[in-house]
Amino acid sequence: MKTYELDEVVQWGFVDFICNVETDAFQDVNKGRPFGFHEMNGDIETKMMNTFKELQTEKIIP
């Protein structure tokens, strides 16, 4: 099994941002569609489970 350092799998800037947000942000994703962001309304549960399966396959998580 390959081992990873925490800094290799964590985006600290995002963690810092998301943990320090003072207000909720509701954002319109339609402005991003002309720039290629078309899959933003997908089934989040399926996407997350697929991501976890990939991480398990790569032995990043148990």
C-alpha atoms as a PDB file:
ATOM      1  CA  MET A   1       0.000   0.000   0.000  1.00  0.00           C
ATOM      2  CA  LYS A   2       1.281   3.440  -0.923  1.00  0.00           C
ATOM      3  CA  THR A   3       1.379   5.922   1.938  1.00  0.00           C
ATOM      4  CA  TYR A   4       0.622   9.592   1.558  1.00  0.00           C
ATOM      5  CA  GLU A   5       1.554  12.611   3.604  1.00  0.00           C
ATOM      6  CA  LEU A   6      -1.438  14.634   4.753  1.00  0.00           C
ATOM      7  CA  ASP A   7      -0.265  17.639   2.735  1.00  0.00           C
ATOM      8  CA  GLU A   8      -0.504  15.516  -0.432  1.00  0.00           C
ATOM      9  CA  VAL A   9      -4.232  14.861  -0.047  1.00  0.00           C
ATOM     10  CA  VAL A  10      -5.529  18.005   1.685  1.00  0.00           C
ATOM     11  CA  GLN A  11      -6.119  21.398   0.114  1.00  0.00           C
ATOM     12  CA  TRP A  12      -5.378  23.539   3.181  1.00  0.00           C
ATOM     13  CA  GLY A  13      -6.447  26.785   1.532  1.00  0.00           C
ATOM     14  CA  PHE A  14      -9.924  25.373   0.920  1.00  0.00           C
ATOM     15  CA  VAL A  15     -10.162  23.953   4.447  1.00  0.00           C
ATOM     16  CA  ASP A  16      -9.157  27.305   5.897  1.00  0.00           C
ATOM     17  CA  PHE A  17     -11.696  29.113   3.739  1.00  0.00           C
ATOM     18  CA  ILE A  18     -14.615  26.766   4.379  1.00  0.00           C
ATOM     19  CA  CYS A  19     -14.007  26.686   8.139  1.00  0.00           C
ATOM     20  CA  ASN A  20     -13.928  30.468   8.374  1.00  0.00           C
ATOM     21  CA  VAL A  21     -16.999  31.406   6.314  1.00  0.00           C
ATOM     22  CA  GLU A  22     -19.167  33.699   8.402  1.00  0.00           C
ATOM     23  CA  THR A  23     -22.293  33.577   6.220  1.00  0.00           C
ATOM     24  CA  ASP A  24     -23.885  31.054   3.901  1.00  0.00           C
ATOM     25  CA  ALA A  25     -23.451  31.769   0.209  1.00  0.00           C
ATOM     26  CA  PHE A  26     -26.098  30.857  -2.321  1.00  0.00           C
ATOM     27  CA  GLN A  27     -24.570  31.159  -5.746  1.00  0.00           C
ATOM     28  CA  ASP A  28     -25.920  30.923  -9.252  1.00  0.00           C
ATOM     29  CA  VAL A  29     -23.939  28.399 -11.300  1.00  0.00           C
ATOM     30  CA  ASN A  30     -25.484  29.484 -14.596  1.00  0.00           C
ATOM     31  CA  LYS A  31     -22.755  32.083 -15.150  1.00  0.00           C
ATOM     32  CA  GLY A  32     -20.185  29.277 -15.202  1.00  0.00           C
ATOM     33  CA  ARG A  33     -21.866  27.260 -17.960  1.00  0.00           C
ATOM     34  CA  PRO A  34     -20.390  29.314 -20.857  1.00  0.00           C
ATOM     35  CA  PHE A  35     -16.963  28.490 -19.430  1.00  0.00           C
ATOM     36  CA  GLY A  36     -17.490  24.720 -19.500  1.00  0.00           C
ATOM     37  CA  PHE A  37     -18.963  24.007 -16.070  1.00  0.00           C
ATOM     38  CA  HIS A  38     -21.885  21.885 -17.244  1.00  0.00           C
ATOM     39  CA  GLU A  39     -21.972  19.081 -14.680  1.00  0.00           C
ATOM     40  CA  MET A  40     -22.688  21.189 -11.628  1.00  0.00           C
ATOM     41  CA  ASN A  41     -26.237  19.925 -11.031  1.00  0.00           C
ATOM     42  CA  GLY A  42     -25.448  16.214 -10.913  1.00  0.00           C
ATOM     43  CA  ASP A  43     -26.333  13.682  -8.257  1.00  0.00           C
ATOM     44  CA  ILE A  44     -23.964  14.709  -5.464  1.00  0.00           C
ATOM     45  CA  GLU A  45     -24.403  11.460  -3.514  1.00  0.00           C
ATOM     46  CA  THR A  46     -23.362   9.344  -6.520  1.00  0.00           C
ATOM     47  CA  LYS A  47     -20.424  11.641  -7.266  1.00  0.00           C
ATOM     48  CA  MET A  48     -19.197  11.498  -3.670  1.00  0.00           C
ATOM     49  CA  MET A  49     -19.504   7.712  -3.496  1.00  0.00           C
ATOM     50  CA  ASN A  50     -17.591   7.374  -6.782  1.00  0.00           C
ATOM     51  CA  THR A  51     -14.873   9.643  -5.419  1.00  0.00           C
ATOM     52  CA  PHE A  52     -14.616   7.578  -2.217  1.00  0.00           C
ATOM     53  CA  LYS A  53     -14.372   4.378  -4.284  1.00  0.00           C
ATOM     54  CA  GLU A  54     -11.536   5.900  -6.332  1.00  0.00           C
ATOM     55  CA  LEU A  55      -9.735   6.920  -3.147  1.00  0.00           C
ATOM     56  CA  GLN A  56     -10.151   3.384  -1.789  1.00  0.00           C
ATOM     57  CA  THR A  57      -8.875   1.853  -5.029  1.00  0.00           C
ATOM     58  CA  GLU A  58      -5.799   4.076  -4.808  1.00  0.00           C
ATOM     59  CA  LYS A  59      -5.397   3.037  -1.135  1.00  0.00           C
ATOM     60  CA  ILE A  60      -5.617   6.653  -0.013  1.00  0.00           C
ATOM     61  CA  ILE A  61      -8.475   5.856   2.384  1.00  0.00           C
ATOM     62  CA  PRO A  62      -9.408   2.499   3.964  1.00  0.00           C
END
